[in-house]
Amino acid sequence: MIALLVLLAAAGEAVEASGDVTQITLTYTVGGYYPSGLDKLAEAVDGVFRRRLERLGVQAETP
């Protein structure tokens, strides 16, 4: 059986600095076709982006 997976993704980041605090907002949209439904992938995709931003935070705070 061959599973068809077609995804189109778009992501954007906004960075806002205020005093000693920097806030990064990541937004993304995924669309396409996945036989089991794209909602099944949402938690995994969120986790990838969350880890990416966490690593960025650690690097930013490391002297």
C-alpha atoms as a PDB file:
ATOM      1  CA  MET A   1       0.000   0.000   0.000  1.00  0.00           C
ATOM      2  CA  ILE A   2       1.320   3.426  -0.914  1.00  0.00           C
ATOM      3  CA  ALA A   3       0.271   6.317   1.311  1.00  0.00           C
ATOM      4  CA  LEU A   4      -0.111   9.679  -0.343  1.00  0.00           C
ATOM      5  CA  LEU A   5       1.080  12.688   1.625  1.00  0.00           C
ATOM      6  CA  VAL A   6       0.822  16.149   0.151  1.00  0.00           C
ATOM      7  CA  LEU A   7       1.573  19.113   2.389  1.00  0.00           C
ATOM      8  CA  LEU A   8       1.818  22.808   1.782  1.00  0.00           C
ATOM      9  CA  ALA A   9       3.195  24.815   4.659  1.00  0.00           C
ATOM     10  CA  ALA A  10       3.829  28.463   5.348  1.00  0.00           C
ATOM     11  CA  ALA A  11       5.460  29.843   8.473  1.00  0.00           C
ATOM     12  CA  GLY A  12       6.274  33.278   9.761  1.00  0.00           C
ATOM     13  CA  GLU A  13       8.006  34.673  12.801  1.00  0.00           C
ATOM     14  CA  ALA A  14       7.580  38.013  14.526  1.00  0.00           C
ATOM     15  CA  VAL A  15      10.101  39.283  17.073  1.00  0.00           C
ATOM     16  CA  GLU A  16       9.226  41.968  19.612  1.00  0.00           C
ATOM     17  CA  ALA A  17      11.676  43.395  22.153  1.00  0.00           C
ATOM     18  CA  SER A  18      10.620  45.285  25.257  1.00  0.00           C
ATOM     19  CA  GLY A  19      13.326  46.070  27.811  1.00  0.00           C
ATOM     20  CA  ASP A  20      15.052  42.827  28.782  1.00  0.00           C
ATOM     21  CA  VAL A  21      12.307  40.641  27.303  1.00  0.00           C
ATOM     22  CA  THR A  22      12.071  39.426  23.721  1.00  0.00           C
ATOM     23  CA  GLN A  23       8.956  37.674  22.522  1.00  0.00           C
ATOM     24  CA  ILE A  24       8.968  35.501  19.415  1.00  0.00           C
ATOM     25  CA  THR A  25       5.644  34.588  17.890  1.00  0.00           C
ATOM     26  CA  LEU A  26       5.603  31.742  15.378  1.00  0.00           C
ATOM     27  CA  THR A  27       2.573  31.172  13.204  1.00  0.00           C
ATOM     28  CA  TYR A  28       2.198  28.463  10.619  1.00  0.00           C
ATOM     29  CA  THR A  29      -0.426  27.002   8.358  1.00  0.00           C
ATOM     30  CA  VAL A  30      -0.401  23.503   6.953  1.00  0.00           C
ATOM     31  CA  GLY A  31      -2.783  22.251   4.335  1.00  0.00           C
ATOM     32  CA  GLY A  32      -2.936  19.334   1.981  1.00  0.00           C
ATOM     33  CA  TYR A  33      -3.982  15.723   1.998  1.00  0.00           C
ATOM     34  CA  TYR A  34      -3.099  12.889   4.343  1.00  0.00           C
ATOM     35  CA  PRO A  35      -5.263   9.752   4.327  1.00  0.00           C
ATOM     36  CA  SER A  36      -5.623   9.646   8.122  1.00  0.00           C
ATOM     37  CA  GLY A  37      -6.271  13.386   8.380  1.00  0.00           C
ATOM     38  CA  LEU A  38      -3.771  16.191   8.997  1.00  0.00           C
ATOM     39  CA  ASP A  39      -5.142  16.694  12.501  1.00  0.00           C
ATOM     40  CA  LYS A  40      -3.316  13.465  13.428  1.00  0.00           C
ATOM     41  CA  LEU A  41       0.010  15.209  12.684  1.00  0.00           C
ATOM     42  CA  ALA A  42      -0.735  18.500  14.460  1.00  0.00           C
ATOM     43  CA  GLU A  43       0.662  17.535  17.877  1.00  0.00           C
ATOM     44  CA  ALA A  44       3.932  16.252  16.382  1.00  0.00           C
ATOM     45  CA  VAL A  45       4.370  19.371  14.237  1.00  0.00           C
ATOM     46  CA  ASP A  46       3.665  21.615  17.238  1.00  0.00           C
ATOM     47  CA  GLY A  47       6.317  19.690  19.179  1.00  0.00           C
ATOM     48  CA  VAL A  48       8.939  20.231  16.473  1.00  0.00           C
ATOM     49  CA  PHE A  49       8.314  23.979  16.435  1.00  0.00           C
ATOM     50  CA  ARG A  50       8.195  24.141  20.259  1.00  0.00           C
ATOM     51  CA  ARG A  51      11.600  22.416  20.551  1.00  0.00           C
ATOM     52  CA  ARG A  52      13.024  24.716  17.882  1.00  0.00           C
ATOM     53  CA  LEU A  53      11.969  27.801  19.819  1.00  0.00           C
ATOM     54  CA  GLU A  54      13.155  26.324  23.135  1.00  0.00           C
ATOM     55  CA  ARG A  55      16.629  25.705  21.638  1.00  0.00           C
ATOM     56  CA  LEU A  56      16.654  29.255  20.297  1.00  0.00           C
ATOM     57  CA  GLY A  57      15.830  30.545  23.797  1.00  0.00           C
ATOM     58  CA  VAL A  58      18.651  28.534  25.369  1.00  0.00           C
ATOM     59  CA  GLN A  59      21.124  29.799  22.774  1.00  0.00           C
ATOM     60  CA  ALA A  60      19.994  33.386  23.290  1.00  0.00           C
ATOM     61  CA  GLU A  61      20.493  33.148  27.053  1.00  0.00           C
ATOM     62  CA  THR A  62      23.905  31.452  26.831  1.00  0.00           C
ATOM     63  CA  PRO A  63      26.755  33.964  27.097  1.00  0.00           C
END
